[in-house]
Structures are given as C-alpha cells and as structure tokens.
Protein backbone atom coordinates (compact mmCIF):
# COMPACT_ATOMS: atom_id res chain seq x y z
CA MET A 1 103.37 117.29 82.03
CA LYS A 2 105.78 116.51 79.21
CA ILE A 3 107.15 113.10 78.31
CA LYS A 4 110.83 112.63 79.05
CA LYS A 5 111.09 109.05 77.82
CA VAL A 6 108.71 106.45 76.37
CA ILE A 7 109.24 103.00 77.88
CA ASN A 8 106.43 101.27 76.00
CA ASN A 9 102.86 101.94 74.89
CA ASN A 10 101.63 102.05 78.49
CA ILE A 11 104.53 103.41 80.56
CA VAL A 12 106.39 106.70 80.19
CA VAL A 13 108.79 108.82 82.20
CA ILE A 14 107.91 112.46 82.80
CA ASP A 15 109.49 115.51 84.38
CA ASP A 16 107.06 116.49 87.13
CA ASN A 17 108.14 119.80 88.67
CA ASN A 18 111.83 118.98 88.15
CA GLN A 19 111.34 115.49 89.61
CA GLU A 20 111.50 112.36 87.48
CA ALA A 21 108.34 110.27 87.70
CA ILE A 22 107.22 107.01 86.10
CA ILE A 23 103.56 106.95 85.09
CA MET A 24 101.43 104.06 83.86
CA GLY A 25 98.16 103.83 81.98
CA ARG A 26 96.69 102.20 78.91
CA GLY A 27 97.93 103.91 75.75
CA LEU A 28 99.97 106.60 77.54
CA GLY A 29 103.01 106.05 75.31
CA PHE A 30 101.22 105.01 72.12
CA LYS A 31 102.66 107.02 69.17
CA LYS A 32 104.21 109.43 71.66
CA LYS A 33 107.74 110.87 71.75
CA ARG A 34 109.91 112.97 74.04
CA GLY A 35 108.39 116.41 74.63
CA ASP A 36 104.76 115.39 73.95
CA GLU A 37 102.10 116.24 76.52
CA VAL A 38 100.60 113.51 78.71
CA ASP A 39 96.85 112.96 78.87
CA PRO A 40 96.10 113.13 82.64
CA GLN A 41 92.91 111.11 82.16
CA LYS A 42 94.94 108.05 81.16
CA ILE A 43 97.21 107.99 84.23
CA ASP A 44 96.53 105.03 86.53
CA LYS A 45 99.71 105.00 88.63
CA LYS A 46 102.57 107.39 89.31
CA PHE A 47 105.89 106.66 91.04
CA TYR A 48 108.78 108.87 92.08
CA PRO A 49 112.09 106.95 92.12
CA GLN A 50 114.34 108.22 94.89
CA THR A 51 117.58 108.17 92.89
CA HIS A 52 118.56 108.37 89.22
CA GLN A 53 120.08 104.89 89.45
CA ASN A 54 116.83 103.55 90.89
CA ALA A 55 114.92 105.18 88.04
CA GLU A 56 117.11 103.47 85.44
CA GLN A 57 116.67 100.12 87.18
CA LEU A 58 112.89 100.54 87.21
CA ILE A 59 112.82 101.57 83.56
CA ASN A 60 114.84 98.51 82.54
CA MET A 61 112.59 96.30 84.67
CA LEU A 62 109.37 97.70 83.23
CA ASN A 63 110.43 97.62 79.59
CA ASP A 64 109.26 94.05 78.92
CA ILE A 65 106.28 93.91 81.30
CA SER A 66 102.89 93.84 79.60
CA LEU A 67 99.99 96.03 80.67
CA GLU A 68 98.02 92.87 81.54
CA GLU A 69 100.75 91.79 83.96
CA MET A 70 100.80 95.27 85.46
CA GLU A 71 97.00 95.30 85.79
CA ALA A 72 97.11 91.89 87.48
CA ALA A 73 99.62 93.18 90.05
CA ASN A 74 97.51 96.28 90.65
CA GLU A 75 94.32 94.24 91.11
CA ILE A 76 96.06 91.83 93.50
CA LEU A 77 97.38 94.66 95.67
CA ASN A 78 93.98 96.38 95.67
CA LEU A 79 92.38 93.10 96.77
CA ALA A 80 94.99 92.74 99.52
CA SER A 81 94.46 96.30 100.70
CA ASN A 82 90.70 95.73 100.98
CA LYS A 83 90.91 92.26 102.56
CA LEU A 84 93.57 93.23 105.09
CA SER A 85 92.14 96.71 105.76
CA THR A 86 95.56 98.30 105.48
CA ASN A 87 97.54 100.62 103.25
CA LEU A 88 100.15 98.87 101.14
CA ASN A 89 103.40 100.21 99.76
CA ASP A 90 102.43 101.36 96.24
CA THR A 91 105.87 100.72 94.80
CA GLU A 92 105.33 96.99 95.39
CA ILE A 93 103.32 96.96 92.16
CA ILE A 94 106.59 97.19 90.24
CA SER A 95 108.32 94.23 91.88
CA LEU A 96 105.10 92.17 91.85
CA SER A 97 104.57 92.94 88.14
CA ASP A 98 108.15 91.90 87.46
CA HIS A 99 107.65 88.69 89.43
CA ILE A 100 104.45 87.85 87.53
CA HIS A 101 106.16 88.56 84.19
CA ASN A 102 109.12 86.30 84.97
CA ALA A 103 106.95 83.55 86.46
CA ILE A 104 104.82 83.45 83.31
CA ALA A 105 107.89 83.50 81.07
CA ARG A 106 109.40 80.57 83.00
CA GLY A 107 106.08 78.73 83.03
CA LYS A 108 105.74 78.95 79.26
CA GLU A 109 109.09 77.20 79.05
CA GLY A 110 107.89 74.51 81.46
CA ILE A 111 109.97 75.80 84.37
CA PHE A 112 108.11 76.03 87.69
CA LEU A 113 110.08 76.99 90.80
CA LYS A 114 109.55 74.97 93.99
CA ASN A 115 108.64 77.12 96.99
CA ASN A 116 110.37 75.45 99.93
CA LEU A 117 108.70 77.83 102.39
CA LEU A 118 105.17 77.12 101.17
CA TRP A 119 104.07 75.20 104.29
CA ASP A 120 105.40 77.93 106.57
CA ILE A 121 103.85 80.68 104.46
CA LYS A 122 100.43 78.99 104.64
CA HIS A 123 100.62 78.76 108.43
CA PHE A 124 102.35 82.04 109.24
CA TYR A 125 100.36 84.25 106.84
CA PRO A 126 96.98 82.51 106.28
CA LYS A 127 95.03 85.63 105.28
CA GLU A 128 97.74 86.78 102.90
CA TYR A 129 97.97 83.27 101.43
CA GLU A 130 94.24 83.29 100.65
CA ILE A 131 94.90 86.44 98.62
CA GLY A 132 97.87 84.70 96.99
CA LEU A 133 95.56 81.91 95.83
CA ALA A 134 93.03 84.44 94.55
CA ALA A 135 95.91 86.13 92.71
CA LEU A 136 96.34 83.00 90.57
CA ASP A 137 92.78 83.47 89.27
CA ILE A 138 93.40 87.17 88.62
CA ILE A 139 96.62 86.47 86.71
CA GLY A 140 95.00 83.65 84.75
CA HIS A 141 92.03 85.83 83.78
CA LEU A 142 94.08 88.84 82.69
CA THR A 143 97.05 87.11 81.05
CA GLY A 144 95.59 83.78 79.96
CA PHE A 145 98.29 81.83 81.83
CA ARG A 146 97.67 79.90 85.06
CA LEU A 147 100.47 79.76 87.64
CA ASN A 148 100.74 76.97 90.25
CA ASP A 149 100.27 77.02 94.03
CA ASP A 150 103.99 77.51 94.66
CA GLU A 151 103.62 80.88 92.98
CA ALA A 152 100.72 81.69 95.32
CA GLY A 153 103.29 81.41 98.11
CA PHE A 154 105.74 83.73 96.36
CA ILE A 155 102.97 86.27 95.74
CA THR A 156 101.96 86.01 99.41
CA MET A 157 105.43 87.17 100.39
CA HIS A 158 105.09 90.19 98.09
CA ILE A 159 101.85 91.06 99.90
CA VAL A 160 103.53 90.66 103.29
CA ASP A 161 106.41 92.81 102.05
CA ALA A 162 103.96 95.50 100.89
CA GLN A 163 102.57 95.76 104.42
CA MET A 164 105.97 96.56 105.88
CA GLU A 165 107.28 100.05 106.46
CA GLN A 166 108.31 101.86 103.29
CA GLY A 167 111.85 100.88 102.37
CA TYR A 168 111.87 97.88 104.69
CA HIS A 169 112.38 94.58 102.89
CA ASN A 170 113.42 91.49 104.88
CA VAL A 171 110.50 89.10 104.49
CA ASN A 172 112.70 85.99 104.37
CA GLY A 173 114.38 87.09 107.60
CA ILE A 174 111.00 87.54 109.27
CA THR A 175 109.85 84.10 108.10
CA GLN A 176 113.00 82.49 109.48
CA PHE A 177 112.54 84.41 112.75
CA ILE A 178 109.00 83.05 113.14
CA GLN A 179 110.15 79.51 112.31
CA GLU A 180 112.81 79.66 115.01
CA ILE A 181 110.49 80.97 117.72
CA THR A 182 107.68 78.52 117.01
CA GLN A 183 110.15 75.60 117.07
CA ILE A 184 111.58 76.75 120.40
CA LEU A 185 108.08 76.96 121.86
CA LYS A 186 107.07 73.50 120.61
CA TYR A 187 110.19 71.90 122.06
CA ALA A 188 109.86 73.80 125.34
CA CYS A 189 106.23 72.95 126.02
CA HIS A 190 106.40 69.38 124.60
CA GLN A 191 103.04 69.62 122.89
CA GLU A 192 101.48 70.35 119.53
CA ILE A 193 99.92 73.76 119.06
CA ASP A 194 96.63 74.28 117.25
CA GLU A 195 97.83 76.24 114.24
CA ASN A 196 94.27 76.87 113.08
CA SER A 197 93.28 78.75 116.23
CA SER A 198 92.84 82.51 116.42
CA TYR A 199 95.31 82.54 119.34
CA TYR A 200 98.03 81.07 117.13
CA TYR A 201 97.32 83.61 114.39
CA ARG A 202 97.61 86.47 116.90
CA PHE A 203 100.87 85.03 118.21
CA ILE A 204 102.33 84.84 114.69
CA THR A 205 101.16 88.37 113.94
CA HIS A 206 102.86 89.57 117.11
CA LEU A 207 106.10 87.80 116.13
CA LYS A 208 105.95 89.28 112.64
CA TYR A 209 105.89 92.84 113.89
CA LEU A 210 108.37 92.09 116.68
CA ALA A 211 110.79 90.86 114.00
CA GLN A 212 110.18 93.97 111.94
CA ARG A 213 111.00 96.19 114.93
CA ILE A 214 114.15 94.20 115.72
CA PHE A 215 115.44 94.18 112.14
CA SER A 216 114.74 97.90 111.67
CA GLN A 217 116.23 98.66 115.12
CA HIS A 218 113.05 100.31 116.39
CA GLN A 219 112.85 98.35 119.64
CA ASP A 220 111.26 99.94 122.69
CA ILE A 221 113.20 99.22 125.91
CA THR A 222 111.03 101.32 128.23
CA PRO A 223 111.06 99.82 131.76
CA PRO A 224 108.01 97.58 132.28
CA ASP A 225 105.31 97.76 134.93
CA LYS A 226 107.09 95.55 137.48
CA MET A 227 103.96 94.81 139.47
CA MET A 228 102.10 93.69 136.36
CA LEU A 229 105.05 91.56 135.25
CA LYS A 230 105.19 89.85 138.65
CA LEU A 231 101.45 89.22 138.51
CA VAL A 232 101.74 87.62 135.08
CA GLU A 233 104.67 85.48 136.25
CA LYS A 234 102.70 84.30 139.32
CA GLN A 235 99.51 83.61 137.39
CA TYR A 236 101.12 81.86 134.39
CA PRO A 237 104.44 80.44 135.68
CA GLN A 238 105.01 77.82 132.99
CA SER A 239 104.19 80.12 130.08
CA PHE A 240 106.42 82.75 131.69
CA ILE A 241 109.34 80.27 131.59
CA TYR A 242 108.65 79.52 127.91
CA ALA A 243 108.60 83.24 127.14
CA GLN A 244 111.89 83.74 129.00
CA LYS A 245 113.53 81.06 126.83
CA ILE A 246 112.27 82.79 123.70
CA ILE A 247 113.47 86.21 124.88
CA ALA A 248 116.92 84.79 125.77
CA PHE A 249 117.23 83.21 122.31
CA ILE A 250 116.22 86.39 120.48
CA GLU A 251 118.53 88.65 122.48
CA ASP A 252 121.47 86.29 121.98
CA LYS A 253 121.01 85.57 118.28
CA TYR A 254 119.87 89.02 117.14
CA ASN A 255 122.07 91.01 119.51
CA CYS A 256 119.23 93.14 120.86
CA GLN A 257 117.57 93.99 124.15
CA LEU A 258 113.86 93.36 124.58
CA SER A 259 111.65 95.07 127.14
CA GLY A 260 109.94 93.47 130.13
CA ASP A 261 106.67 94.33 128.43
CA GLU A 262 107.67 92.03 125.54
CA LEU A 263 108.19 89.22 128.05
CA MET A 264 104.72 89.88 129.43
CA TYR A 265 103.06 89.99 126.00
CA LEU A 266 104.73 86.75 124.90
CA THR A 267 103.68 85.05 128.14
CA LEU A 268 100.05 86.01 127.59
CA HIS A 269 100.10 84.87 123.95
CA ILE A 270 101.71 81.55 124.88
CA GLU A 271 99.26 80.93 127.73
CA LYS A 272 96.32 81.33 125.37
CA MET A 273 97.80 78.82 122.91
CA VAL A 274 98.98 76.07 125.23
CA GLN A 275 95.83 75.91 127.36
C-alpha cells in the first residue's frame, strides 16, 4: 500500500486496489511522503469514502484533529459497542472525533454550548447517556481537558446515531418523534409515567426503532392477525384507545400508514406502563 497523501503524522490517504482509503495509526505519516509504503502494523482504522467529494471533506475535517482526540473517540465507541452489545457504524469515529476536537477548542476559549435536549436525552437513552458520561472521563484522561455534562448529552446522540443503519442520520428527528408520542400518551391517560421503569425503557426503545423505520420508509404494512388484535382490544380497552390516538397522530403528521400489528404492540407497551 502506497501513500497518496499525508494528512498529518497519524493519518494518511492511500490507494487501496484503485480505491481511495483513509487510514489512521500512531506515526503512520511521520516523515512520510507521497509514494512511500505504509507499515501495516501501524494501521488502527481504515475508511473508504464513497465519493471523491466525501473524501476531500473528511481530509479537511481530519487535518486539525489530534491523535488523542481520535483515540478518545475510538475508545468511546468501543465502550459503547461492548456495553450495548451491538455493532456500531465505524465511520462515526470521524464525526465524533471532530465533535470532541471542536468542543475542546470552544472549551479552552470558555465557550460551553447548552444542550437543550439534555433532559430528554437522559430519559430517552439512559444506557447511551451513561456511556456519554463515561466518555467525559475518557476524553479528560487522553486529552487533559474535561468537558461538561451538556457535552455528555451531545456525545450520547453520536452513540445513538452510530447504532442506526449505515447512512441513516436523523437523530434529532427521532428525539422529537419520541417527545411528541410521550406527551400525547401523558395527556391521554392523565397520569404520570414511571420513567425509571423497564417498561418505559422498552417503550422508548420501540418508539426509537419505529421512528427509524418511518423516516427511512421501511414500514411493514402486512395485514395483522385480526383475531389477536380483537383480543388485545377486548382485554386492554383503555390502552387500545391510547394507542389508536398515537397511531392517528403519527399517520397524519408523518404521512405514513402503520400496520395493525403496530397498534397491537403499542397497546401492550402502554398497558405495561400505565398499570
């Protein structure tokens, strides 16, 4: 593998079988120039930008990012992958590294952004938020700069984003979707919901992936089991009404059609929470 372009001491661009790739590793670009061979033992990460324009954007983004910031992002995503027992989108390391770099740069100038969604993030993504808090320790240890809790919320959203399908990025839309549905439910049932319960967490998880399917237009409208749906309606009539209100809102606002099975699933989730 020959170097096509040196970005900095730790990041270079190579031509890998006629495909441009960005590779990262300590000392990869140190005293190197175009045409030099790459030491495979030093490669930690490799990315294949999908377009030339994307490659140029990534190169410009990575130019000022330190290896410590990149290592922090990598360690955070590895922690998230282990804690959540899921595969994460590897390319998220680039946007997370860029976020960490800019957050530290702002922080050193005394500028700390307020995260207006922090309360919602804590309640909608509790496991991811725990990782976001741990990320502050990782960043502080590797870079020597401690970010505040608002940044834990921003990092949480990067982790949520990394769990989504490759190429799918609408975390703010999903958060707003969850806010809307939970508010509708609270007003409909006229009671507070225990947001620390496992039932609530499962409900939020269900909404998260429902939103992802709606926004990516991957909705299943297979006819439901009518007998099962009738049974659920008879057994849980009030929760069924709440679920109907939610379905009607979603279909109207997001111009989509949800299946009868979705009505049944929402009814069962709601019943668990309100009882």
